[in-house]
Amino acid sequence: AVTPYIDNVNPTSITGPTTLTLTGRNFMPYPTLSVDDVTILVNDHVCNVTSLSNTSISCDIGDIEAGHASILASIDGQYVRGNRCVSTFDHL
């Protein structure tokens, strides 16, 4: 089995509700995977997944508290690994 891996999260700072894009690889270990199989949490707030490909996940996040935010992703119940396994970005 392939392991999903996050390389980057954009943007790296936000000031309010926005769309985050996670880029990496192996986000779709099988072709029937859908956005409903992906969970993205930003400081325990759900980031609503809107699109999914093998190398990119987009999600919409609302207002969250200011400061560093941790991003945790799971795909079909498997936590995503990588240098951004628990990613941080600034919320101003």
PDB file of N, CA and C in Angstrom:
ATOM      1  N   ALA A   1       0.842  -1.194   0.000  1.00  0.00           N
ATOM      2  CA  ALA A   1       0.000   0.000   0.000  1.00  0.00           C
ATOM      3  C   ALA A   1       0.880   1.247   0.000  1.00  0.00           C
ATOM      4  N   VAL A   2       0.393   2.280  -0.644  1.00  0.00           N
ATOM      5  CA  VAL A   2       1.124   3.541  -0.681  1.00  0.00           C
ATOM      6  C   VAL A   2       0.749   4.385   0.528  1.00  0.00           C
ATOM      7  N   THR A   3       1.659   5.228   0.954  1.00  0.00           N
ATOM      8  CA  THR A   3       1.426   6.083   2.111  1.00  0.00           C
ATOM      9  C   THR A   3       1.180   7.509   1.651  1.00  0.00           C
ATOM     10  N   PRO A   4       0.038   8.110   2.031  1.00  0.00           N
ATOM     11  CA  PRO A   4      -0.181   9.526   1.719  1.00  0.00           C
ATOM     12  C   PRO A   4       0.859  10.389   2.426  1.00  0.00           C
ATOM     13  N   TYR A   5       1.293  11.469   1.764  1.00  0.00           N
ATOM     14  CA  TYR A   5       2.365  12.294   2.290  1.00  0.00           C
ATOM     15  C   TYR A   5       2.088  13.743   1.917  1.00  0.00           C
ATOM     16  N   ILE A   6       2.064  14.634   2.913  1.00  0.00           N
ATOM     17  CA  ILE A   6       1.851  16.061   2.669  1.00  0.00           C
ATOM     18  C   ILE A   6       3.207  16.749   2.536  1.00  0.00           C
ATOM     19  N   ASP A   7       3.366  17.549   1.471  1.00  0.00           N
ATOM     20  CA  ASP A   7       4.582  18.327   1.279  1.00  0.00           C
ATOM     21  C   ASP A   7       4.400  19.788   1.682  1.00  0.00           C
ATOM     22  N   ASN A   8       3.250  20.372   1.347  1.00  0.00           N
ATOM     23  CA  ASN A   8       3.037  21.797   1.596  1.00  0.00           C
ATOM     24  C   ASN A   8       1.575  22.097   1.888  1.00  0.00           C
ATOM     25  N   VAL A   9       1.375  23.217   2.576  1.00  0.00           N
ATOM     26  CA  VAL A   9       0.042  23.767   2.815  1.00  0.00           C
ATOM     27  C   VAL A   9       0.080  25.229   2.408  1.00  0.00           C
ATOM     28  N   ASN A  10      -0.893  25.650   1.622  1.00  0.00           N
ATOM     29  CA  ASN A  10      -0.996  27.043   1.193  1.00  0.00           C
ATOM     30  C   ASN A  10      -2.410  27.550   1.405  1.00  0.00           C
ATOM     31  N   PRO A  11      -2.602  28.805   1.798  1.00  0.00           N
ATOM     32  CA  PRO A  11      -1.548  29.751   2.157  1.00  0.00           C
ATOM     33  C   PRO A  11      -0.940  29.406   3.513  1.00  0.00           C
ATOM     34  N   THR A  12       0.174  30.046   3.843  1.00  0.00           N
ATOM     35  CA  THR A  12       0.823  29.777   5.123  1.00  0.00           C
ATOM     36  C   THR A  12       0.358  30.737   6.208  1.00  0.00           C
ATOM     37  N   SER A  13      -0.415  31.748   5.837  1.00  0.00           N
ATOM     38  CA  SER A  13      -1.050  32.600   6.846  1.00  0.00           C
ATOM     39  C   SER A  13      -2.414  33.028   6.323  1.00  0.00           C
ATOM     40  N   ILE A  14      -3.365  33.171   7.252  1.00  0.00           N
ATOM     41  CA  ILE A  14      -4.719  33.568   6.890  1.00  0.00           C
ATOM     42  C   ILE A  14      -5.189  34.638   7.873  1.00  0.00           C
ATOM     43  N   THR A  15      -6.205  35.387   7.467  1.00  0.00           N
ATOM     44  CA  THR A  15      -6.772  36.408   8.344  1.00  0.00           C
ATOM     45  C   THR A  15      -8.253  36.181   8.584  1.00  0.00           C
ATOM     46  N   GLY A  16      -8.806  35.117   8.043  1.00  0.00           N
ATOM     47  CA  GLY A  16     -10.217  34.814   8.209  1.00  0.00           C
ATOM     48  C   GLY A  16     -10.569  33.593   7.381  1.00  0.00           C
ATOM     49  N   PRO A  17     -11.863  33.364   7.147  1.00  0.00           N
ATOM     50  CA  PRO A  17     -12.261  32.183   6.367  1.00  0.00           C
ATOM     51  C   PRO A  17     -11.553  32.146   5.015  1.00  0.00           C
ATOM     52  N   THR A  18     -11.077  30.964   4.642  1.00  0.00           N
ATOM     53  CA  THR A  18     -10.326  30.839   3.391  1.00  0.00           C
ATOM     54  C   THR A  18     -10.304  29.391   2.937  1.00  0.00           C
ATOM     55  N   THR A  19      -9.783  29.165   1.745  1.00  0.00           N
ATOM     56  CA  THR A  19      -9.558  27.822   1.221  1.00  0.00           C
ATOM     57  C   THR A  19      -8.094  27.466   1.397  1.00  0.00           C
ATOM     58  N   LEU A  20      -7.846  26.328   2.027  1.00  0.00           N
ATOM     59  CA  LEU A  20      -6.483  25.813   2.168  1.00  0.00           C
ATOM     60  C   LEU A  20      -6.243  24.756   1.105  1.00  0.00           C
ATOM     61  N   THR A  21      -5.039  24.698   0.575  1.00  0.00           N
ATOM     62  CA  THR A  21      -4.661  23.662  -0.371  1.00  0.00           C
ATOM     63  C   THR A  21      -3.467  22.901   0.181  1.00  0.00           C
ATOM     64  N   LEU A  22      -3.651  21.599   0.371  1.00  0.00           N
ATOM     65  CA  LEU A  22      -2.579  20.707   0.798  1.00  0.00           C
ATOM     66  C   LEU A  22      -2.061  20.000  -0.436  1.00  0.00           C
ATOM     67  N   THR A  23      -0.748  20.047  -0.661  1.00  0.00           N
ATOM     68  CA  THR A  23      -0.166  19.353  -1.796  1.00  0.00           C
ATOM     69  C   THR A  23       0.777  18.269  -1.295  1.00  0.00           C
ATOM     70  N   GLY A  24       0.877  17.205  -2.065  1.00  0.00           N
ATOM     71  CA  GLY A  24       1.719  16.081  -1.691  1.00  0.00           C
ATOM     72  C   GLY A  24       1.564  14.952  -2.676  1.00  0.00           C
ATOM     73  N   ARG A  25       1.495  13.716  -2.153  1.00  0.00           N
ATOM     74  CA  ARG A  25       1.367  12.570  -3.052  1.00  0.00           C
ATOM     75  C   ARG A  25       0.602  11.444  -2.388  1.00  0.00           C
ATOM     76  N   ASN A  26       0.082  10.589  -3.235  1.00  0.00           N
ATOM     77  CA  ASN A  26      -0.643   9.382  -2.807  1.00  0.00           C
ATOM     78  C   ASN A  26      -1.885   9.683  -1.976  1.00  0.00           C
ATOM     79  N   PHE A  27      -2.542  10.819  -2.273  1.00  0.00           N
ATOM     80  CA  PHE A  27      -3.760  11.156  -1.546  1.00  0.00           C
ATOM     81  C   PHE A  27      -4.938  10.264  -1.948  1.00  0.00           C
ATOM     82  N   MET A  28      -4.840   9.620  -3.104  1.00  0.00           N
ATOM     83  CA  MET A  28      -5.911   8.722  -3.554  1.00  0.00           C
ATOM     84  C   MET A  28      -5.345   7.321  -3.749  1.00  0.00           C
ATOM     85  N   PRO A  29      -5.228   6.539  -2.663  1.00  0.00           N
ATOM     86  CA  PRO A  29      -4.641   5.209  -2.783  1.00  0.00           C
ATOM     87  C   PRO A  29      -5.481   4.260  -3.642  1.00  0.00           C
ATOM     88  N   TYR A  30      -6.753   4.597  -3.845  1.00  0.00           N
ATOM     89  CA  TYR A  30      -7.573   3.842  -4.788  1.00  0.00           C
ATOM     90  C   TYR A  30      -8.559   4.800  -5.448  1.00  0.00           C
ATOM     91  N   PRO A  31      -8.966   4.529  -6.684  1.00  0.00           N
ATOM     92  CA  PRO A  31      -9.695   5.516  -7.490  1.00  0.00           C
ATOM     93  C   PRO A  31     -11.104   5.836  -7.003  1.00  0.00           C
ATOM     94  N   THR A  32     -11.686   5.021  -6.141  1.00  0.00           N
ATOM     95  CA  THR A  32     -13.051   5.288  -5.690  1.00  0.00           C
ATOM     96  C   THR A  32     -13.087   6.197  -4.462  1.00  0.00           C
ATOM     97  N   LEU A  33     -11.940   6.631  -3.988  1.00  0.00           N
ATOM     98  CA  LEU A  33     -11.883   7.526  -2.838  1.00  0.00           C
ATOM     99  C   LEU A  33     -12.578   8.846  -3.169  1.00  0.00           C
ATOM    100  N   SER A  34     -13.331   9.387  -2.218  1.00  0.00           N
ATOM    101  CA  SER A  34     -14.024  10.659  -2.452  1.00  0.00           C
ATOM    102  C   SER A  34     -13.712  11.629  -1.327  1.00  0.00           C
ATOM    103  N   VAL A  35     -14.172  12.873  -1.472  1.00  0.00           N
ATOM    104  CA  VAL A  35     -13.935  13.883  -0.442  1.00  0.00           C
ATOM    105  C   VAL A  35     -14.541  13.458   0.896  1.00  0.00           C
ATOM    106  N   ASP A  36     -15.567  12.597   0.861  1.00  0.00           N
ATOM    107  CA  ASP A  36     -16.189  12.126   2.101  1.00  0.00           C
ATOM    108  C   ASP A  36     -15.271  11.208   2.903  1.00  0.00           C
ATOM    109  N   ASP A  37     -14.217  10.691   2.264  1.00  0.00           N
ATOM    110  CA  ASP A  37     -13.269   9.793   2.940  1.00  0.00           C
ATOM    111  C   ASP A  37     -12.086  10.545   3.546  1.00  0.00           C
ATOM    112  N   VAL A  38     -12.076  11.871   3.398  1.00  0.00           N
ATOM    113  CA  VAL A  38     -10.941  12.679   3.840  1.00  0.00           C
ATOM    114  C   VAL A  38     -11.385  13.599   4.974  1.00  0.00           C
ATOM    115  N   THR A  39     -10.589  13.650   6.042  1.00  0.00           N
ATOM    116  CA  THR A  39     -10.848  14.554   7.157  1.00  0.00           C
ATOM    117  C   THR A  39      -9.627  15.445   7.354  1.00  0.00           C
ATOM    118  N   ILE A  40      -9.870  16.753   7.374  1.00  0.00           N
ATOM    119  CA  ILE A  40      -8.814  17.718   7.652  1.00  0.00           C
ATOM    120  C   ILE A  40      -9.259  18.523   8.873  1.00  0.00           C
ATOM    121  N   LEU A  41      -8.414  18.546   9.895  1.00  0.00           N
ATOM    122  CA  LEU A  41      -8.694  19.337  11.094  1.00  0.00           C
ATOM    123  C   LEU A  41      -7.642  20.430  11.236  1.00  0.00           C
ATOM    124  N   VAL A  42      -8.093  21.644  11.518  1.00  0.00           N
ATOM    125  CA  VAL A  42      -7.205  22.773  11.772  1.00  0.00           C
ATOM    126  C   VAL A  42      -7.489  23.229  13.197  1.00  0.00           C
ATOM    127  N   ASN A  43      -6.543  22.958  14.113  1.00  0.00           N
ATOM    128  CA  ASN A  43      -6.773  23.228  15.544  1.00  0.00           C
ATOM    129  C   ASN A  43      -8.106  22.654  16.001  1.00  0.00           C
ATOM    130  N   ASP A  44      -8.382  21.429  15.584  1.00  0.00           N
ATOM    131  CA  ASP A  44      -9.607  20.705  15.932  1.00  0.00           C
ATOM    132  C   ASP A  44     -10.863  21.264  15.287  1.00  0.00           C
ATOM    133  N   HIS A  45     -10.736  22.227  14.373  1.00  0.00           N
ATOM    134  CA  HIS A  45     -11.879  22.717  13.604  1.00  0.00           C
ATOM    135  C   HIS A  45     -11.892  21.978  12.270  1.00  0.00           C
ATOM    136  N   VAL A  46     -13.058  21.511  11.852  1.00  0.00           N
ATOM    137  CA  VAL A  46     -13.163  20.790  10.583  1.00  0.00           C
ATOM    138  C   VAL A  46     -12.939  21.752   9.423  1.00  0.00           C
ATOM    139  N   CYS A  47     -12.060  21.356   8.514  1.00  0.00           N
ATOM    140  CA  CYS A  47     -11.853  22.070   7.256  1.00  0.00           C
ATOM    141  C   CYS A  47     -12.625  21.283   6.202  1.00  0.00           C
ATOM    142  N   ASN A  48     -13.683  21.884   5.648  1.00  0.00           N
ATOM    143  CA  ASN A  48     -14.596  21.191   4.740  1.00  0.00           C
ATOM    144  C   ASN A  48     -13.914  20.891   3.405  1.00  0.00           C
ATOM    145  N   VAL A  49     -13.650  19.608   3.144  1.00  0.00           N
ATOM    146  CA  VAL A  49     -12.937  19.200   1.930  1.00  0.00           C
ATOM    147  C   VAL A  49     -13.830  19.409   0.709  1.00  0.00           C
ATOM    148  N   THR A  50     -13.314  20.159  -0.272  1.00  0.00           N
ATOM    149  CA  THR A  50     -14.085  20.485  -1.470  1.00  0.00           C
ATOM    150  C   THR A  50     -13.555  19.815  -2.729  1.00  0.00           C
ATOM    151  N   SER A  51     -12.262  19.430  -2.725  1.00  0.00           N
ATOM    152  CA  SER A  51     -11.734  18.727  -3.897  1.00  0.00           C
ATOM    153  C   SER A  51     -10.578  17.840  -3.479  1.00  0.00           C
ATOM    154  N   LEU A  52     -10.377  16.795  -4.281  1.00  0.00           N
ATOM    155  CA  LEU A  52      -9.375  15.782  -3.974  1.00  0.00           C
ATOM    156  C   LEU A  52      -8.782  15.240  -5.262  1.00  0.00           C
ATOM    157  N   SER A  53      -7.455  15.179  -5.310  1.00  0.00           N
ATOM    158  CA  SER A  53      -6.774  14.473  -6.384  1.00  0.00           C
ATOM    159  C   SER A  53      -5.636  13.696  -5.736  1.00  0.00           C
ATOM    160  N   ASN A  54      -4.852  12.996  -6.515  1.00  0.00           N
ATOM    161  CA  ASN A  54      -3.756  12.212  -5.949  1.00  0.00           C
ATOM    162  C   ASN A  54      -2.670  13.097  -5.337  1.00  0.00           C
ATOM    163  N   THR A  55      -2.601  14.371  -5.778  1.00  0.00           N
ATOM    164  CA  THR A  55      -1.528  15.258  -5.322  1.00  0.00           C
ATOM    165  C   THR A  55      -2.016  16.524  -4.621  1.00  0.00           C
ATOM    166  N   SER A  56      -3.347  16.691  -4.472  1.00  0.00           N
ATOM    167  CA  SER A  56      -3.866  17.934  -3.905  1.00  0.00           C
ATOM    168  C   SER A  56      -5.194  17.712  -3.186  1.00  0.00           C
ATOM    169  N   ILE A  57      -5.351  18.393  -2.055  1.00  0.00           N
ATOM    170  CA  ILE A  57      -6.617  18.417  -1.328  1.00  0.00           C
ATOM    171  C   ILE A  57      -6.927  19.874  -1.038  1.00  0.00           C
ATOM    172  N   SER A  58      -8.145  20.317  -1.353  1.00  0.00           N
ATOM    173  CA  SER A  58      -8.576  21.668  -1.005  1.00  0.00           C
ATOM    174  C   SER A  58      -9.681  21.574   0.026  1.00  0.00           C
ATOM    175  N   CYS A  59      -9.653  22.504   0.993  1.00  0.00           N
ATOM    176  CA  CYS A  59     -10.707  22.529   1.998  1.00  0.00           C
ATOM    177  C   CYS A  59     -10.959  23.955   2.442  1.00  0.00           C
ATOM    178  N   ASP A  60     -12.191  24.213   2.875  1.00  0.00           N
ATOM    179  CA  ASP A  60     -12.593  25.539   3.335  1.00  0.00           C
ATOM    180  C   ASP A  60     -12.609  25.573   4.849  1.00  0.00           C
ATOM    181  N   ILE A  61     -11.914  26.562   5.407  1.00  0.00           N
ATOM    182  CA  ILE A  61     -11.864  26.724   6.857  1.00  0.00           C
ATOM    183  C   ILE A  61     -12.502  28.066   7.224  1.00  0.00           C
ATOM    184  N   GLY A  62     -13.265  28.058   8.291  1.00  0.00           N
ATOM    185  CA  GLY A  62     -13.887  29.289   8.781  1.00  0.00           C
ATOM    186  C   GLY A  62     -12.950  30.030   9.700  1.00  0.00           C
ATOM    187  N   ASP A  63     -13.507  30.925  10.498  1.00  0.00           N
ATOM    188  CA  ASP A  63     -12.706  31.661  11.470  1.00  0.00           C
ATOM    189  C   ASP A  63     -12.184  30.725  12.540  1.00  0.00           C
ATOM    190  N   ILE A  64     -10.925  30.825  12.833  1.00  0.00           N
ATOM    191  CA  ILE A  64     -10.312  30.076  13.924  1.00  0.00           C
ATOM    192  C   ILE A  64      -9.526  31.056  14.780  1.00  0.00           C
ATOM    193  N   GLU A  65      -9.098  30.601  15.947  1.00  0.00           N
ATOM    194  CA  GLU A  65      -8.359  31.481  16.852  1.00  0.00           C
ATOM    195  C   GLU A  65      -7.027  31.895  16.224  1.00  0.00           C
ATOM    196  N   ALA A  66      -6.568  33.063  16.604  1.00  0.00           N
ATOM    197  CA  ALA A  66      -5.290  33.575  16.100  1.00  0.00           C
ATOM    198  C   ALA A  66      -4.134  32.759  16.661  1.00  0.00           C
ATOM    199  N   GLY A  67      -3.031  32.745  15.934  1.00  0.00           N
ATOM    200  CA  GLY A  67      -1.841  32.038  16.383  1.00  0.00           C
ATOM    201  C   GLY A  67      -1.486  30.910  15.445  1.00  0.00           C
ATOM    202  N   HIS A  68      -0.541  30.080  15.879  1.00  0.00           N
ATOM    203  CA  HIS A  68      -0.152  28.920  15.082  1.00  0.00           C
ATOM    204  C   HIS A  68      -1.285  27.901  15.084  1.00  0.00           C
ATOM    205  N   ALA A  69      -1.538  27.308  13.933  1.00  0.00           N
ATOM    206  CA  ALA A  69      -2.593  26.305  13.809  1.00  0.00           C
ATOM    207  C   ALA A  69      -1.976  24.986  13.372  1.00  0.00           C
ATOM    208  N   SER A  70      -2.401  23.908  14.006  1.00  0.00           N
ATOM    209  CA  SER A  70      -1.950  22.569  13.617  1.00  0.00           C
ATOM    210  C   SER A  70      -2.944  21.974  12.637  1.00  0.00           C
ATOM    211  N   ILE A  71      -2.408  21.348  11.593  1.00  0.00           N
ATOM    212  CA  ILE A  71      -3.246  20.705  10.583  1.00  0.00           C
ATOM    213  C   ILE A  71      -3.031  19.203  10.673  1.00  0.00           C
ATOM    214  N   LEU A  72      -4.133  18.475  10.822  1.00  0.00           N
ATOM    215  CA  LEU A  72      -4.081  17.025  10.901  1.00  0.00           C
ATOM    216  C   LEU A  72      -4.989  16.470   9.807  1.00  0.00           C
ATOM    217  N   ALA A  73      -4.442  15.584   8.982  1.00  0.00           N
ATOM    218  CA  ALA A  73      -5.198  15.023   7.865  1.00  0.00           C
ATOM    219  C   ALA A  73      -5.287  13.511   8.000  1.00  0.00           C
ATOM    220  N   SER A  74      -6.464  12.971   7.683  1.00  0.00           N
ATOM    221  CA  SER A  74      -6.588  11.520   7.567  1.00  0.00           C
ATOM    222  C   SER A  74      -7.346  11.195   6.291  1.00  0.00           C
ATOM    223  N   ILE A  75      -6.907  10.145   5.635  1.00  0.00           N
ATOM    224  CA  ILE A  75      -7.509   9.692   4.386  1.00  0.00           C
ATOM    225  C   ILE A  75      -7.937   8.255   4.580  1.00  0.00           C
ATOM    226  N   ASP A  76      -9.241   8.029   4.492  1.00  0.00           N
ATOM    227  CA  ASP A  76      -9.805   6.693   4.688  1.00  0.00           C
ATOM    228  C   ASP A  76      -9.342   6.100   6.021  1.00  0.00           C
ATOM    229  N   GLY A  77      -9.293   6.963   7.060  1.00  0.00           N
ATOM    230  CA  GLY A  77      -8.936   6.505   8.391  1.00  0.00           C
ATOM    231  C   GLY A  77      -7.447   6.420   8.671  1.00  0.00           C
ATOM    232  N   GLN A  78      -6.610   6.686   7.655  1.00  0.00           N
ATOM    233  CA  GLN A  78      -5.153   6.616   7.823  1.00  0.00           C
ATOM    234  C   GLN A  78      -4.600   8.028   7.940  1.00  0.00           C
ATOM    235  N   TYR A  79      -3.872   8.281   9.036  1.00  0.00           N
ATOM    236  CA  TYR A  79      -3.274   9.605   9.185  1.00  0.00           C
ATOM    237  C   TYR A  79      -2.186   9.809   8.144  1.00  0.00           C
ATOM    238  N   VAL A  80      -2.145  11.023   7.618  1.00  0.00           N
ATOM    239  CA  VAL A  80      -1.207  11.361   6.557  1.00  0.00           C
ATOM    240  C   VAL A  80       0.144  11.696   7.167  1.00  0.00           C
ATOM    241  N   ARG A  81       1.187  11.167   6.560  1.00  0.00           N
ATOM    242  CA  ARG A  81       2.549  11.388   7.040  1.00  0.00           C
ATOM    243  C   ARG A  81       3.226  12.471   6.223  1.00  0.00           C
ATOM    244  N   GLY A  82       4.394  12.894   6.714  1.00  0.00           N
ATOM    245  CA  GLY A  82       5.197  13.828   5.949  1.00  0.00           C
ATOM    246  C   GLY A  82       5.761  14.919   6.805  1.00  0.00           C
ATOM    247  N   ASN A  83       6.493  15.796   6.148  1.00  0.00           N
ATOM    248  CA  ASN A  83       7.069  16.906   6.891  1.00  0.00           C
ATOM    249  C   ASN A  83       5.984  17.872   7.332  1.00  0.00           C
ATOM    250  N   ARG A  84       4.768  17.667   6.857  1.00  0.00           N
ATOM    251  CA  ARG A  84       3.632  18.483   7.270  1.00  0.00           C
ATOM    252  C   ARG A  84       2.584  17.610   7.936  1.00  0.00           C
ATOM    253  N   CYS A  85       3.009  16.503   8.518  1.00  0.00           N
ATOM    254  CA  CYS A  85       2.068  15.583   9.159  1.00  0.00           C
ATOM    255  C   CYS A  85       1.164  16.347  10.118  1.00  0.00           C
ATOM    256  N   VAL A  86       1.773  17.130  10.972  1.00  0.00           N
ATOM    257  CA  VAL A  86       1.015  18.115  11.744  1.00  0.00           C
ATOM    258  C   VAL A  86       1.618  19.446  11.337  1.00  0.00           C
ATOM    259  N   SER A  87       0.934  20.122  10.438  1.00  0.00           N
ATOM    260  CA  SER A  87       1.453  21.350   9.851  1.00  0.00           C
ATOM    261  C   SER A  87       1.039  22.538  10.691  1.00  0.00           C
ATOM    262  N   THR A  88       1.807  23.587  10.625  1.00  0.00           N
ATOM    263  CA  THR A  88       1.410  24.812  11.294  1.00  0.00           C
ATOM    264  C   THR A  88       1.437  25.965  10.293  1.00  0.00           C
ATOM    265  N   PHE A  89       0.532  26.879  10.494  1.00  0.00           N
ATOM    266  CA  PHE A  89       0.560  28.115   9.741  1.00  0.00           C
ATOM    267  C   PHE A  89       0.033  29.208  10.657  1.00  0.00           C
ATOM    268  N   ASP A  90       0.236  30.449  10.275  1.00  0.00           N
ATOM    269  CA  ASP A  90      -0.147  31.555  11.142  1.00  0.00           C
ATOM    270  C   ASP A  90      -1.527  32.067  10.786  1.00  0.00           C
ATOM    271  N   HIS A  91      -2.348  32.254  11.811  1.00  0.00           N
ATOM    272  CA  HIS A  91      -3.631  32.926  11.641  1.00  0.00           C
ATOM    273  C   HIS A  91      -3.509  34.275  12.324  1.00  0.00           C
ATOM    274  N   LEU A  92      -3.550  35.323  11.541  1.00  0.00           N
ATOM    275  CA  LEU A  92      -3.266  36.665  12.055  1.00  0.00           C
ATOM    276  C   LEU A  92      -4.512  37.338  12.604  1.00  0.00           C
TER     277      LEU A  92
END
